[in-house]
Amino acid sequence: MKAAFALLKKDLASEVRTRYAINSLGMFIVVVVSVILFSIGDEKITDYLTGGLFWVVVFFTSMSGLSRAFVSEEERGTTLTLQLIARPESIYSGKFFFNVALIFSMNLIIALLFSFFFEMFIFKNILLFVCAFIIGNIGVAASSTIIAAIISKAGSKGTLYPVLAFPILLPLILTLIELTKQSMDGNSISESSVELAVLFCYDVVMVASAYLLFDFIWKD
């Protein structure tokens, strides 16, 4: 874990210096939320639609910013150095922790913007939404990290990431939309236990499979 946190510290310092992901994600969030607001105008939208739009924005924002976790290493020519000084699982862990920090920050900003601009973005059971938010963000980060490792070895990196991410993240996003609807209705956590279990199992499967397969992806 020491090597993983060292890699996390390196990525955070690099991001603070270049601000590539922060700037691109920030501009994407502002543009998407603005387009939604201008498209809706004075029309009233339902709370369910607002919750669905929230996770749609999260989905496309993650595709625009999380894909460079390993692409940046290929562009800087530091891939071989990482292969020599750190174990594959440490490298994945460092990149995974970085994506978790990035996506939590990004989604908190999106949630605050939705709460400010959309009056129907209200939850009767905020604890259920927070649970779904935390587990869902971990799932998005785990999936995006392993997909980013795959596309870093490909020639057409920009087009390949959405193709791979869509079928993998779609079940997660659909479950999160359903849990958001239930939290808006005021369902208890016990009533939504099935959906929460699906999210938890998704995270476990993605993290476990990523650790098992990353060695082959990273070296080949």
Protein backbone atom coordinates (compact mmCIF):
# COMPACT_ATOMS: atom_id res chain seq x y z
CA MET A 1 0.00 0.00 0.00
CA LYS A 2 2.98 2.31 0.49
CA ALA A 3 3.71 2.23 -3.24
CA ALA A 4 0.02 2.77 -4.03
CA PHE A 5 -0.16 5.89 -1.87
CA ALA A 6 3.11 7.14 -3.36
CA LEU A 7 1.58 6.82 -6.82
CA LEU A 8 -1.58 8.55 -5.59
CA LYS A 9 0.52 11.42 -4.22
CA LYS A 10 2.38 11.66 -7.54
CA ASP A 11 -0.86 11.79 -9.55
CA LEU A 12 -2.38 14.39 -7.25
CA ALA A 13 0.73 16.58 -7.49
CA SER A 14 0.76 16.19 -11.28
CA GLU A 15 -2.93 17.09 -11.50
CA VAL A 16 -2.51 20.13 -9.29
CA ARG A 17 0.35 21.27 -11.52
CA THR A 18 -1.29 20.66 -14.91
CA ARG A 19 -5.00 20.75 -13.90
CA TYR A 20 -5.84 18.85 -17.08
CA ALA A 21 -8.57 16.62 -15.65
CA ILE A 22 -9.87 19.31 -13.29
CA ASN A 23 -10.26 21.86 -16.10
CA SER A 24 -11.80 19.42 -18.57
CA LEU A 25 -14.22 18.01 -16.00
CA GLY A 26 -15.14 21.45 -14.71
CA MET A 27 -15.88 22.80 -18.18
CA PHE A 28 -17.83 19.67 -19.11
CA ILE A 29 -19.99 19.91 -15.99
CA VAL A 30 -20.71 23.60 -16.55
CA VAL A 31 -21.56 23.09 -20.22
CA VAL A 32 -23.81 20.06 -19.65
CA VAL A 33 -25.74 21.62 -16.76
CA SER A 34 -26.12 24.85 -18.75
CA VAL A 35 -27.43 22.98 -21.79
CA ILE A 36 -29.97 21.15 -19.62
CA LEU A 37 -31.13 24.41 -18.04
CA PHE A 38 -31.48 26.19 -21.40
CA SER A 39 -33.26 23.17 -22.91
CA ILE A 40 -35.78 22.98 -20.07
CA GLY A 41 -36.42 26.71 -19.87
CA ASP A 42 -39.50 27.46 -17.80
CA GLU A 43 -40.84 23.92 -18.07
CA LYS A 44 -41.35 21.98 -14.87
CA ILE A 45 -39.70 18.56 -14.81
CA THR A 46 -40.49 15.71 -12.46
CA ASP A 47 -38.28 14.65 -9.59
CA TYR A 48 -37.68 11.27 -11.26
CA LEU A 49 -36.45 12.93 -14.44
CA THR A 50 -34.17 15.18 -12.42
CA GLY A 51 -32.63 12.16 -10.67
CA GLY A 52 -32.16 10.41 -14.00
CA LEU A 53 -30.50 13.49 -15.52
CA PHE A 54 -28.14 13.66 -12.54
CA TRP A 55 -26.74 10.19 -13.18
CA VAL A 56 -26.63 10.77 -16.94
CA VAL A 57 -24.43 13.80 -16.32
CA VAL A 58 -22.28 11.72 -13.95
CA PHE A 59 -21.96 8.97 -16.55
CA PHE A 60 -20.80 11.21 -19.39
CA THR A 61 -18.59 13.32 -17.15
CA SER A 62 -16.78 10.22 -15.91
CA MET A 63 -16.21 9.14 -19.51
CA SER A 64 -14.66 12.52 -20.32
CA GLY A 65 -12.27 12.71 -17.36
CA LEU A 66 -11.42 9.28 -15.96
CA SER A 67 -10.10 7.77 -19.17
CA ARG A 68 -6.65 9.37 -18.82
CA ALA A 69 -5.55 7.48 -15.71
CA PHE A 70 -3.06 5.40 -17.71
CA VAL A 71 -3.06 7.30 -21.00
CA SER A 72 -1.09 10.08 -19.32
CA GLU A 73 1.61 7.57 -18.33
CA GLU A 74 1.89 6.37 -21.93
CA GLU A 75 2.13 9.93 -23.24
CA ARG A 76 4.84 10.90 -20.75
CA GLY A 77 6.75 7.66 -21.32
CA THR A 78 6.68 6.68 -17.65
CA THR A 79 4.93 3.33 -18.12
CA LEU A 80 8.13 1.31 -18.17
CA THR A 81 9.40 3.09 -15.07
CA LEU A 82 6.25 2.20 -13.17
CA GLN A 83 6.54 -1.41 -14.30
CA LEU A 84 10.06 -1.58 -12.92
CA ILE A 85 9.57 0.10 -9.55
CA ALA A 86 6.09 -1.03 -8.46
CA ARG A 87 3.98 -4.16 -8.42
CA PRO A 88 0.93 -4.23 -10.74
CA GLU A 89 -1.56 -4.33 -7.86
CA SER A 90 0.10 -1.27 -6.29
CA ILE A 91 -0.17 0.62 -9.56
CA TYR A 92 -3.84 -0.25 -9.94
CA SER A 93 -4.52 0.69 -6.33
CA GLY A 94 -2.85 4.09 -6.73
CA LYS A 95 -4.77 4.88 -9.91
CA PHE A 96 -8.00 3.58 -8.37
CA PHE A 97 -7.63 5.79 -5.29
CA PHE A 98 -6.91 8.78 -7.53
CA ASN A 99 -10.04 8.14 -9.60
CA VAL A 100 -12.09 7.70 -6.41
CA ALA A 101 -10.93 11.09 -5.14
CA LEU A 102 -11.55 12.68 -8.54
CA ILE A 103 -15.02 11.25 -9.07
CA PHE A 104 -16.19 12.02 -5.53
CA SER A 105 -15.11 15.64 -5.94
CA MET A 106 -16.71 15.84 -9.38
CA ASN A 107 -20.01 14.29 -8.32
CA LEU A 108 -20.29 16.41 -5.19
CA ILE A 109 -20.07 19.50 -7.40
CA ILE A 110 -22.71 18.07 -9.75
CA ALA A 111 -24.99 17.26 -6.80
CA LEU A 112 -24.61 20.80 -5.42
CA LEU A 113 -25.38 22.32 -8.84
CA PHE A 114 -28.47 20.14 -9.23
CA SER A 115 -29.64 21.03 -5.73
CA PHE A 116 -29.26 24.73 -6.54
CA PHE A 117 -30.78 24.81 -10.04
CA PHE A 118 -33.42 22.06 -9.86
CA GLU A 119 -36.05 22.51 -7.16
CA MET A 120 -37.32 18.94 -7.65
CA PHE A 121 -33.93 17.45 -6.73
CA ILE A 122 -35.12 16.66 -3.19
CA PHE A 123 -34.84 13.40 -1.24
CA LYS A 124 -37.20 12.17 1.43
CA ASN A 125 -34.60 9.61 2.52
CA ILE A 126 -31.25 11.35 2.17
CA LEU A 127 -29.40 8.47 3.87
CA LEU A 128 -30.44 6.05 1.11
CA PHE A 129 -29.20 8.46 -1.55
CA VAL A 130 -25.89 8.96 0.28
CA CYS A 131 -25.37 5.17 0.47
CA ALA A 132 -26.13 4.81 -3.24
CA PHE A 133 -23.91 7.81 -4.01
CA ILE A 134 -20.91 6.39 -2.15
CA ILE A 135 -21.21 2.81 -3.41
CA GLY A 136 -21.99 3.99 -6.94
CA ASN A 137 -18.98 6.30 -7.11
CA ILE A 138 -16.67 3.49 -6.02
CA GLY A 139 -18.13 1.28 -8.75
CA VAL A 140 -17.66 3.95 -11.41
CA ALA A 141 -14.06 4.51 -10.29
CA ALA A 142 -13.24 0.79 -10.27
CA SER A 143 -14.72 0.23 -13.73
CA SER A 144 -13.19 3.35 -15.23
CA THR A 145 -9.72 2.53 -13.90
CA ILE A 146 -9.52 -0.92 -15.48
CA ILE A 147 -11.03 0.35 -18.74
CA ALA A 148 -8.46 3.17 -18.80
CA ALA A 149 -5.70 0.57 -18.41
CA ILE A 150 -7.07 -1.37 -21.39
CA ILE A 151 -7.36 1.59 -23.75
CA SER A 152 -3.92 2.95 -22.86
CA LYS A 153 -2.43 0.19 -25.00
CA ALA A 154 -4.72 0.87 -27.96
CA GLY A 155 -4.22 3.27 -30.85
CA SER A 156 -7.66 4.91 -30.86
CA LYS A 157 -7.91 5.77 -27.18
CA GLY A 158 -10.55 8.49 -27.48
CA THR A 159 -13.15 6.37 -29.28
CA LEU A 160 -12.48 3.08 -27.51
CA TYR A 161 -13.23 4.24 -23.98
CA PRO A 162 -16.96 5.04 -24.51
CA VAL A 163 -17.42 1.76 -26.41
CA LEU A 164 -16.05 -0.26 -23.49
CA ALA A 165 -17.50 1.89 -20.72
CA PHE A 166 -21.12 1.94 -21.91
CA PRO A 167 -21.99 -1.77 -21.48
CA ILE A 168 -19.98 -2.06 -18.27
CA LEU A 169 -21.34 1.05 -16.56
CA LEU A 170 -24.92 0.83 -17.86
CA PRO A 171 -26.16 -1.72 -15.25
CA LEU A 172 -24.60 0.40 -12.50
CA ILE A 173 -26.18 3.64 -13.74
CA LEU A 174 -29.62 2.03 -14.13
CA THR A 175 -29.46 0.69 -10.56
CA LEU A 176 -28.38 4.10 -9.28
CA ILE A 177 -31.28 5.78 -11.08
CA GLU A 178 -33.70 3.33 -9.46
CA LEU A 179 -32.23 3.93 -6.01
CA THR A 180 -32.44 7.69 -6.57
CA LYS A 181 -36.15 7.33 -7.37
CA GLN A 182 -36.66 5.26 -4.22
CA SER A 183 -34.82 7.79 -2.06
CA MET A 184 -37.03 10.55 -3.51
CA ASP A 185 -40.10 8.46 -2.62
CA GLY A 186 -38.83 8.01 0.94
CA ASN A 187 -38.21 4.26 0.82
CA SER A 188 -36.29 2.86 3.75
CA ILE A 189 -32.90 1.22 3.36
CA SER A 190 -34.45 -2.20 4.11
CA GLU A 191 -36.96 -1.69 1.30
CA SER A 192 -34.12 -0.93 -1.11
CA SER A 193 -31.83 -3.68 0.16
CA VAL A 194 -31.95 -5.59 -3.14
CA GLU A 195 -30.71 -2.62 -5.19
CA LEU A 196 -28.05 -1.81 -2.60
CA ALA A 197 -26.89 -5.43 -2.67
CA VAL A 198 -26.65 -5.24 -6.47
CA LEU A 199 -24.45 -2.13 -6.17
CA PHE A 200 -22.25 -3.73 -3.52
CA CYS A 201 -21.84 -6.93 -5.54
CA TYR A 202 -21.02 -4.87 -8.64
CA ASP A 203 -18.23 -3.09 -6.75
CA VAL A 204 -16.84 -6.34 -5.37
CA VAL A 205 -16.86 -8.02 -8.79
CA MET A 206 -15.25 -5.07 -10.56
CA VAL A 207 -12.51 -4.54 -7.95
CA ALA A 208 -11.74 -8.26 -7.66
CA SER A 209 -11.66 -8.83 -11.42
CA ALA A 210 -9.52 -5.73 -11.91
CA TYR A 211 -6.91 -6.95 -9.42
CA LEU A 212 -6.89 -10.40 -11.02
CA LEU A 213 -6.60 -9.18 -14.61
CA PHE A 214 -4.54 -6.03 -14.24
CA ASP A 215 -1.21 -7.87 -14.23
CA PHE A 216 -1.90 -9.24 -17.73
CA ILE A 217 -3.28 -5.92 -19.04
CA TRP A 218 -0.44 -3.84 -17.63
CA LYS A 219 2.42 -6.00 -18.89
CA ASP A 220 0.95 -7.00 -22.26
